[in-house]
Structures are given as structure tokens and as C-alpha cells.
Amino acid sequence: RGRETGYEYRLGDPVEILVSEADPITGSTVFQMLSGGTPGKKPSVTRPPKSAKPGKPKGKSRASRRQARKG
């Protein structure tokens, strides 16, 4: 999503551009978008918390394994 315009561009979307600068020594080019893209979705404000899969036990921590080895 574009920071200023909020438009999204996906692979295969037809767009029109203008080559505004080209430097043959470094091989760099600067483009300007003339048309194309679609208005993006607003980012979601809240996300559900990540949780472990139910029924799956957590592994032992490194410290607890070390302590068990000491005896």
C-alpha cells in the first residue's frame, strides 16, 4: 500500500508510468506512476492474540533442562 496515496499494485496489474530519470552509468531509473492501482483497504486496528494450539504441550526451557541434568 502506498504511504501517500493508499493505492495497491499487484503483480499483473496494468499501469502507466513515465521514466523521469535514467542514469546509464549507475543503471538507476526513476519512474512516476501515471495511472493504475486500486484503493487499498484500511489496516485493521486490532488483531487477535496468538496462542498455542490447544492440546499441544509447551517444551521445557533451556534452564530447566540444564537444572535436570545437574541432578
PDB file of N, CA and C in Angstrom:
ATOM      1  N   ARG A   1       0.838  -1.183   0.000  1.00  0.00           N
ATOM      2  CA  ARG A   1       0.000   0.000   0.000  1.00  0.00           C
ATOM      3  C   ARG A   1       0.874   1.233   0.000  1.00  0.00           C
ATOM      4  N   GLY A   2       0.547   2.192  -0.826  1.00  0.00           N
ATOM      5  CA  GLY A   2       1.319   3.422  -0.874  1.00  0.00           C
ATOM      6  C   GLY A   2       1.087   4.278   0.357  1.00  0.00           C
ATOM      7  N   ARG A   3       2.151   4.846   0.897  1.00  0.00           N
ATOM      8  CA  ARG A   3       2.031   5.679   2.100  1.00  0.00           C
ATOM      9  C   ARG A   3       1.221   6.938   1.842  1.00  0.00           C
ATOM     10  N   GLU A   4       1.448   7.559   0.717  1.00  0.00           N
ATOM     11  CA  GLU A   4       0.786   8.837   0.437  1.00  0.00           C
ATOM     12  C   GLU A   4      -0.580   8.664  -0.214  1.00  0.00           C
ATOM     13  N   THR A   5      -0.687   7.737  -1.166  1.00  0.00           N
ATOM     14  CA  THR A   5      -1.939   7.608  -1.914  1.00  0.00           C
ATOM     15  C   THR A   5      -2.858   6.527  -1.375  1.00  0.00           C
ATOM     16  N   GLY A   6      -2.294   5.504  -0.739  1.00  0.00           N
ATOM     17  CA  GLY A   6      -3.097   4.393  -0.253  1.00  0.00           C
ATOM     18  C   GLY A   6      -3.460   3.390  -1.331  1.00  0.00           C
ATOM     19  N   TYR A   7      -2.909   3.532  -2.533  1.00  0.00           N
ATOM     20  CA  TYR A   7      -3.214   2.613  -3.625  1.00  0.00           C
ATOM     21  C   TYR A   7      -2.347   1.364  -3.528  1.00  0.00           C
ATOM     22  N   GLU A   8      -2.901   0.242  -4.012  1.00  0.00           N
ATOM     23  CA  GLU A   8      -2.180  -1.023  -4.039  1.00  0.00           C
ATOM     24  C   GLU A   8      -1.891  -1.418  -5.480  1.00  0.00           C
ATOM     25  N   TYR A   9      -0.754  -2.047  -5.694  1.00  0.00           N
ATOM     26  CA  TYR A   9      -0.381  -2.572  -7.001  1.00  0.00           C
ATOM     27  C   TYR A   9      -0.012  -4.026  -6.808  1.00  0.00           C
ATOM     28  N   ARG A  10      -0.609  -4.894  -7.617  1.00  0.00           N
ATOM     29  CA  ARG A  10      -0.322  -6.318  -7.538  1.00  0.00           C
ATOM     30  C   ARG A  10       0.322  -6.768  -8.836  1.00  0.00           C
ATOM     31  N   LEU A  11       0.993  -7.888  -8.761  1.00  0.00           N
ATOM     32  CA  LEU A  11       1.647  -8.457  -9.922  1.00  0.00           C
ATOM     33  C   LEU A  11       0.619  -8.700 -11.025  1.00  0.00           C
ATOM     34  N   GLY A  12       0.870  -8.168 -12.197  1.00  0.00           N
ATOM     35  CA  GLY A  12      -0.036  -8.331 -13.324  1.00  0.00           C
ATOM     36  C   GLY A  12      -0.988  -7.167 -13.523  1.00  0.00           C
ATOM     37  N   ASP A  13      -1.025  -6.205 -12.588  1.00  0.00           N
ATOM     38  CA  ASP A  13      -1.892  -5.037 -12.748  1.00  0.00           C
ATOM     39  C   ASP A  13      -1.353  -4.149 -13.865  1.00  0.00           C
ATOM     40  N   PRO A  14      -2.200  -3.734 -14.802  1.00  0.00           N
ATOM     41  CA  PRO A  14      -1.731  -2.807 -15.840  1.00  0.00           C
ATOM     42  C   PRO A  14      -1.571  -1.400 -15.262  1.00  0.00           C
ATOM     43  N   VAL A  15      -0.432  -0.783 -15.514  1.00  0.00           N
ATOM     44  CA  VAL A  15      -0.168   0.579 -15.039  1.00  0.00           C
ATOM     45  C   VAL A  15       0.507   1.370 -16.151  1.00  0.00           C
ATOM     46  N   GLU A  16       0.403   2.685 -16.077  1.00  0.00           N
ATOM     47  CA  GLU A  16       1.126   3.561 -16.998  1.00  0.00           C
ATOM     48  C   GLU A  16       2.149   4.317 -16.180  1.00  0.00           C
ATOM     49  N   ILE A  17       3.393   4.368 -16.707  1.00  0.00           N
ATOM     50  CA  ILE A  17       4.469   5.055 -15.994  1.00  0.00           C
ATOM     51  C   ILE A  17       5.157   6.040 -16.922  1.00  0.00           C
ATOM     52  N   LEU A  18       5.922   6.933 -16.323  1.00  0.00           N
ATOM     53  CA  LEU A  18       6.761   7.871 -17.055  1.00  0.00           C
ATOM     54  C   LEU A  18       8.163   7.728 -16.495  1.00  0.00           C
ATOM     55  N   VAL A  19       9.149   7.496 -17.365  1.00  0.00           N
ATOM     56  CA  VAL A  19      10.537   7.427 -16.913  1.00  0.00           C
ATOM     57  C   VAL A  19      11.011   8.857 -16.754  1.00  0.00           C
ATOM     58  N   SER A  20      11.205   9.294 -15.506  1.00  0.00           N
ATOM     59  CA  SER A  20      11.571  10.686 -15.272  1.00  0.00           C
ATOM     60  C   SER A  20      13.080  10.889 -15.214  1.00  0.00           C
ATOM     61  N   GLU A  21      13.835   9.872 -14.798  1.00  0.00           N
ATOM     62  CA  GLU A  21      15.300   9.975 -14.771  1.00  0.00           C
ATOM     63  C   GLU A  21      15.893   8.622 -15.122  1.00  0.00           C
ATOM     64  N   ALA A  22      17.020   8.643 -15.829  1.00  0.00           N
ATOM     65  CA  ALA A  22      17.756   7.417 -16.127  1.00  0.00           C
ATOM     66  C   ALA A  22      19.240   7.745 -16.137  1.00  0.00           C
ATOM     67  N   ASP A  23      20.036   6.978 -15.394  1.00  0.00           N
ATOM     68  CA  ASP A  23      21.477   7.188 -15.320  1.00  0.00           C
ATOM     69  C   ASP A  23      22.161   5.942 -15.873  1.00  0.00           C
ATOM     70  N   PRO A  24      22.734   6.021 -17.085  1.00  0.00           N
ATOM     71  CA  PRO A  24      23.344   4.839 -17.685  1.00  0.00           C
ATOM     72  C   PRO A  24      24.606   4.371 -16.954  1.00  0.00           C
ATOM     73  N   ILE A  25      25.269   5.245 -16.231  1.00  0.00           N
ATOM     74  CA  ILE A  25      26.497   4.855 -15.527  1.00  0.00           C
ATOM     75  C   ILE A  25      26.170   3.935 -14.353  1.00  0.00           C
ATOM     76  N   THR A  26      25.219   4.334 -13.523  1.00  0.00           N
ATOM     77  CA  THR A  26      24.854   3.511 -12.365  1.00  0.00           C
ATOM     78  C   THR A  26      23.734   2.530 -12.682  1.00  0.00           C
ATOM     79  N   GLY A  27      23.022   2.748 -13.772  1.00  0.00           N
ATOM     80  CA  GLY A  27      21.918   1.871 -14.142  1.00  0.00           C
ATOM     81  C   GLY A  27      20.641   2.151 -13.379  1.00  0.00           C
ATOM     82  N   SER A  28      20.576   3.294 -12.711  1.00  0.00           N
ATOM     83  CA  SER A  28      19.373   3.610 -11.932  1.00  0.00           C
ATOM     84  C   SER A  28      18.340   4.314 -12.798  1.00  0.00           C
ATOM     85  N   THR A  29      17.087   4.071 -12.473  1.00  0.00           N
ATOM     86  CA  THR A  29      15.980   4.736 -13.155  1.00  0.00           C
ATOM     87  C   THR A  29      14.971   5.193 -12.120  1.00  0.00           C
ATOM     88  N   VAL A  30      14.288   6.301 -12.411  1.00  0.00           N
ATOM     89  CA  VAL A  30      13.244   6.829 -11.536  1.00  0.00           C
ATOM     90  C   VAL A  30      11.969   6.908 -12.359  1.00  0.00           C
ATOM     91  N   PHE A  31      10.907   6.306 -11.832  1.00  0.00           N
ATOM     92  CA  PHE A  31       9.626   6.265 -12.527  1.00  0.00           C
ATOM     93  C   PHE A  31       8.593   7.100 -11.795  1.00  0.00           C
ATOM     94  N   GLN A  32       7.593   7.570 -12.540  1.00  0.00           N
ATOM     95  CA  GLN A  32       6.427   8.231 -11.953  1.00  0.00           C
ATOM     96  C   GLN A  32       5.201   7.465 -12.416  1.00  0.00           C
ATOM     97  N   MET A  33       4.304   7.165 -11.481  1.00  0.00           N
ATOM     98  CA  MET A  33       3.070   6.457 -11.816  1.00  0.00           C
ATOM     99  C   MET A  33       2.082   7.445 -12.419  1.00  0.00           C
ATOM    100  N   LEU A  34       1.549   7.109 -13.583  1.00  0.00           N
ATOM    101  CA  LEU A  34       0.558   7.965 -14.222  1.00  0.00           C
ATOM    102  C   LEU A  34      -0.857   7.458 -13.973  1.00  0.00           C
ATOM    103  N   SER A  35      -1.048   6.135 -14.012  1.00  0.00           N
ATOM    104  CA  SER A  35      -2.378   5.580 -13.748  1.00  0.00           C
ATOM    105  C   SER A  35      -2.242   4.134 -13.319  1.00  0.00           C
ATOM    106  N   GLY A  36      -3.318   3.616 -12.763  1.00  0.00           N
ATOM    107  CA  GLY A  36      -3.353   2.222 -12.342  1.00  0.00           C
ATOM    108  C   GLY A  36      -3.464   2.110 -10.842  1.00  0.00           C
ATOM    109  N   GLY A  37      -3.547   0.885 -10.369  1.00  0.00           N
ATOM    110  CA  GLY A  37      -3.682   0.632  -8.946  1.00  0.00           C
ATOM    111  C   GLY A  37      -5.120   0.682  -8.499  1.00  0.00           C
ATOM    112  N   THR A  38      -5.363   0.156  -7.323  1.00  0.00           N
ATOM    113  CA  THR A  38      -6.701   0.161  -6.741  1.00  0.00           C
ATOM    114  C   THR A  38      -6.621   0.702  -5.326  1.00  0.00           C
ATOM    115  N   PRO A  39      -7.678   1.357  -4.864  1.00  0.00           N
ATOM    116  CA  PRO A  39      -7.647   1.844  -3.481  1.00  0.00           C
ATOM    117  C   PRO A  39      -7.475   0.676  -2.517  1.00  0.00           C
ATOM    118  N   GLY A  40      -6.554   0.828  -1.577  1.00  0.00           N
ATOM    119  CA  GLY A  40      -6.275  -0.237  -0.626  1.00  0.00           C
ATOM    120  C   GLY A  40      -7.257  -0.258   0.525  1.00  0.00           C
ATOM    121  N   LYS A  41      -7.251  -1.374   1.253  1.00  0.00           N
ATOM    122  CA  LYS A  41      -8.092  -1.499   2.431  1.00  0.00           C
ATOM    123  C   LYS A  41      -7.418  -0.787   3.597  1.00  0.00           C
ATOM    124  N   LYS A  42      -8.227  -0.283   4.515  1.00  0.00           N
ATOM    125  CA  LYS A  42      -7.669   0.321   5.714  1.00  0.00           C
ATOM    126  C   LYS A  42      -7.103  -0.791   6.587  1.00  0.00           C
ATOM    127  N   PRO A  43      -5.946  -0.569   7.207  1.00  0.00           N
ATOM    128  CA  PRO A  43      -5.382  -1.617   8.051  1.00  0.00           C
ATOM    129  C   PRO A  43      -6.259  -1.872   9.265  1.00  0.00           C
ATOM    130  N   SER A  44      -6.348  -3.134   9.662  1.00  0.00           N
ATOM    131  CA  SER A  44      -7.166  -3.471  10.824  1.00  0.00           C
ATOM    132  C   SER A  44      -6.492  -2.946  12.087  1.00  0.00           C
ATOM    133  N   VAL A  45      -7.288  -2.459  13.002  1.00  0.00           N
ATOM    134  CA  VAL A  45      -6.760  -1.845  14.214  1.00  0.00           C
ATOM    135  C   VAL A  45      -6.399  -2.898  15.247  1.00  0.00           C
ATOM    136  N   THR A  46      -7.245  -3.892  15.420  1.00  0.00           N
ATOM    137  CA  THR A  46      -6.984  -4.908  16.436  1.00  0.00           C
ATOM    138  C   THR A  46      -6.713  -6.246  15.782  1.00  0.00           C
ATOM    139  N   ARG A  47      -5.817  -6.988  16.378  1.00  0.00           N
ATOM    140  CA  ARG A  47      -5.505  -8.333  15.920  1.00  0.00           C
ATOM    141  C   ARG A  47      -5.712  -9.288  17.090  1.00  0.00           C
ATOM    142  N   PRO A  48      -6.216 -10.459  16.828  1.00  0.00           N
ATOM    143  CA  PRO A  48      -6.381 -11.407  17.925  1.00  0.00           C
ATOM    144  C   PRO A  48      -5.014 -11.877  18.415  1.00  0.00           C
ATOM    145  N   PRO A  49      -4.871 -12.136  19.708  1.00  0.00           N
ATOM    146  CA  PRO A  49      -3.568 -12.575  20.221  1.00  0.00           C
ATOM    147  C   PRO A  49      -3.225 -13.969  19.716  1.00  0.00           C
ATOM    148  N   LYS A  50      -1.946 -14.192  19.479  1.00  0.00           N
ATOM    149  CA  LYS A  50      -1.504 -15.507  19.038  1.00  0.00           C
ATOM    150  C   LYS A  50      -1.508 -16.437  20.250  1.00  0.00           C
ATOM    151  N   SER A  51      -1.968 -17.638  20.057  1.00  0.00           N
ATOM    152  CA  SER A  51      -1.979 -18.600  21.152  1.00  0.00           C
ATOM    153  C   SER A  51      -1.484 -19.937  20.633  1.00  0.00           C
ATOM    154  N   ALA A  52      -1.035 -20.765  21.560  1.00  0.00           N
ATOM    155  CA  ALA A  52      -0.557 -22.091  21.194  1.00  0.00           C
ATOM    156  C   ALA A  52      -1.735 -22.948  20.763  1.00  0.00           C
ATOM    157  N   LYS A  53      -1.450 -23.965  19.994  1.00  0.00           N
ATOM    158  CA  LYS A  53      -2.516 -24.860  19.553  1.00  0.00           C
ATOM    159  C   LYS A  53      -3.062 -25.601  20.769  1.00  0.00           C
ATOM    160  N   PRO A  54      -4.371 -25.777  20.853  1.00  0.00           N
ATOM    161  CA  PRO A  54      -4.934 -26.470  22.013  1.00  0.00           C
ATOM    162  C   PRO A  54      -4.471 -27.923  22.060  1.00  0.00           C
ATOM    163  N   GLY A  55      -4.148 -28.375  23.266  1.00  0.00           N
ATOM    164  CA  GLY A  55      -3.737 -29.756  23.446  1.00  0.00           C
ATOM    165  C   GLY A  55      -2.274 -30.012  23.167  1.00  0.00           C
ATOM    166  N   LYS A  56      -1.538 -29.001  22.754  1.00  0.00           N
ATOM    167  CA  LYS A  56      -0.128 -29.195  22.457  1.00  0.00           C
ATOM    168  C   LYS A  56       0.695 -28.662  23.625  1.00  0.00           C
ATOM    169  N   PRO A  57       1.464 -29.516  24.326  1.00  0.00           N
ATOM    170  CA  PRO A  57       2.225 -29.035  25.479  1.00  0.00           C
ATOM    171  C   PRO A  57       3.419 -28.193  25.041  1.00  0.00           C
ATOM    172  N   LYS A  58       3.790 -27.250  25.882  1.00  0.00           N
ATOM    173  CA  LYS A  58       4.965 -26.431  25.599  1.00  0.00           C
ATOM    174  C   LYS A  58       6.219 -27.227  25.944  1.00  0.00           C
ATOM    175  N   GLY A  59       7.294 -26.958  25.265  1.00  0.00           N
ATOM    176  CA  GLY A  59       8.556 -27.620  25.546  1.00  0.00           C
ATOM    177  C   GLY A  59       9.203 -27.049  26.798  1.00  0.00           C
ATOM    178  N   LYS A  60      10.185 -27.789  27.331  1.00  0.00           N
ATOM    179  CA  LYS A  60      10.883 -27.317  28.523  1.00  0.00           C
ATOM    180  C   LYS A  60      11.858 -26.219  28.123  1.00  0.00           C
ATOM    181  N   SER A  61      12.069 -25.295  29.041  1.00  0.00           N
ATOM    182  CA  SER A  61      13.017 -24.222  28.764  1.00  0.00           C
ATOM    183  C   SER A  61      14.437 -24.755  28.891  1.00  0.00           C
ATOM    184  N   ARG A  62      15.363 -24.046  28.348  1.00  0.00           N
ATOM    185  CA  ARG A  62      16.760 -24.448  28.384  1.00  0.00           C
ATOM    186  C   ARG A  62      17.268 -24.523  29.827  1.00  0.00           C
ATOM    187  N   ALA A  63      16.851 -23.563  30.662  1.00  0.00           N
ATOM    188  CA  ALA A  63      17.293 -23.546  32.059  1.00  0.00           C
ATOM    189  C   ALA A  63      16.785 -24.769  32.818  1.00  0.00           C
ATOM    190  N   SER A  64      15.533 -25.172  32.596  1.00  0.00           N
ATOM    191  CA  SER A  64      15.004 -26.334  33.319  1.00  0.00           C
ATOM    192  C   SER A  64      15.671 -27.623  32.854  1.00  0.00           C
ATOM    193  N   ARG A  65      16.028 -27.724  31.585  1.00  0.00           N
ATOM    194  CA  ARG A  65      16.748 -28.910  31.113  1.00  0.00           C
ATOM    195  C   ARG A  65      18.134 -28.972  31.731  1.00  0.00           C
ATOM    196  N   ARG A  66      18.797 -27.823  31.844  1.00  0.00           N
ATOM    197  CA  ARG A  66      20.129 -27.759  32.427  1.00  0.00           C
ATOM    198  C   ARG A  66      20.087 -28.166  33.898  1.00  0.00           C
ATOM    199  N   GLN A  67      19.061 -27.701  34.611  1.00  0.00           N
ATOM    200  CA  GLN A  67      18.935 -27.998  36.031  1.00  0.00           C
ATOM    201  C   GLN A  67      18.647 -29.492  36.231  1.00  0.00           C
ATOM    202  N   ALA A  68      17.850 -30.091  35.379  1.00  0.00           N
ATOM    203  CA  ALA A  68      17.539 -31.511  35.485  1.00  0.00           C
ATOM    204  C   ALA A  68      18.781 -32.355  35.219  1.00  0.00           C
ATOM    205  N   ARG A  69      19.655 -31.900  34.344  1.00  0.00           N
ATOM    206  CA  ARG A  69      20.873 -32.629  34.022  1.00  0.00           C
ATOM    207  C   ARG A  69      21.843 -32.636  35.200  1.00  0.00           C
ATOM    208  N   LYS A  70      21.896 -31.523  35.965  1.00  0.00           N
ATOM    209  CA  LYS A  70      22.801 -31.426  37.112  1.00  0.00           C
ATOM    210  C   LYS A  70      22.429 -32.443  38.184  1.00  0.00           C
ATOM    211  N   GLY A  71      21.186 -32.731  38.317  1.00  0.00           N
ATOM    212  CA  GLY A  71      20.761 -33.783  39.212  1.00  0.00           C
ATOM    213  C   GLY A  71      20.294 -33.308  40.494  1.00  0.00           C
TER     214      GLY A  71
END
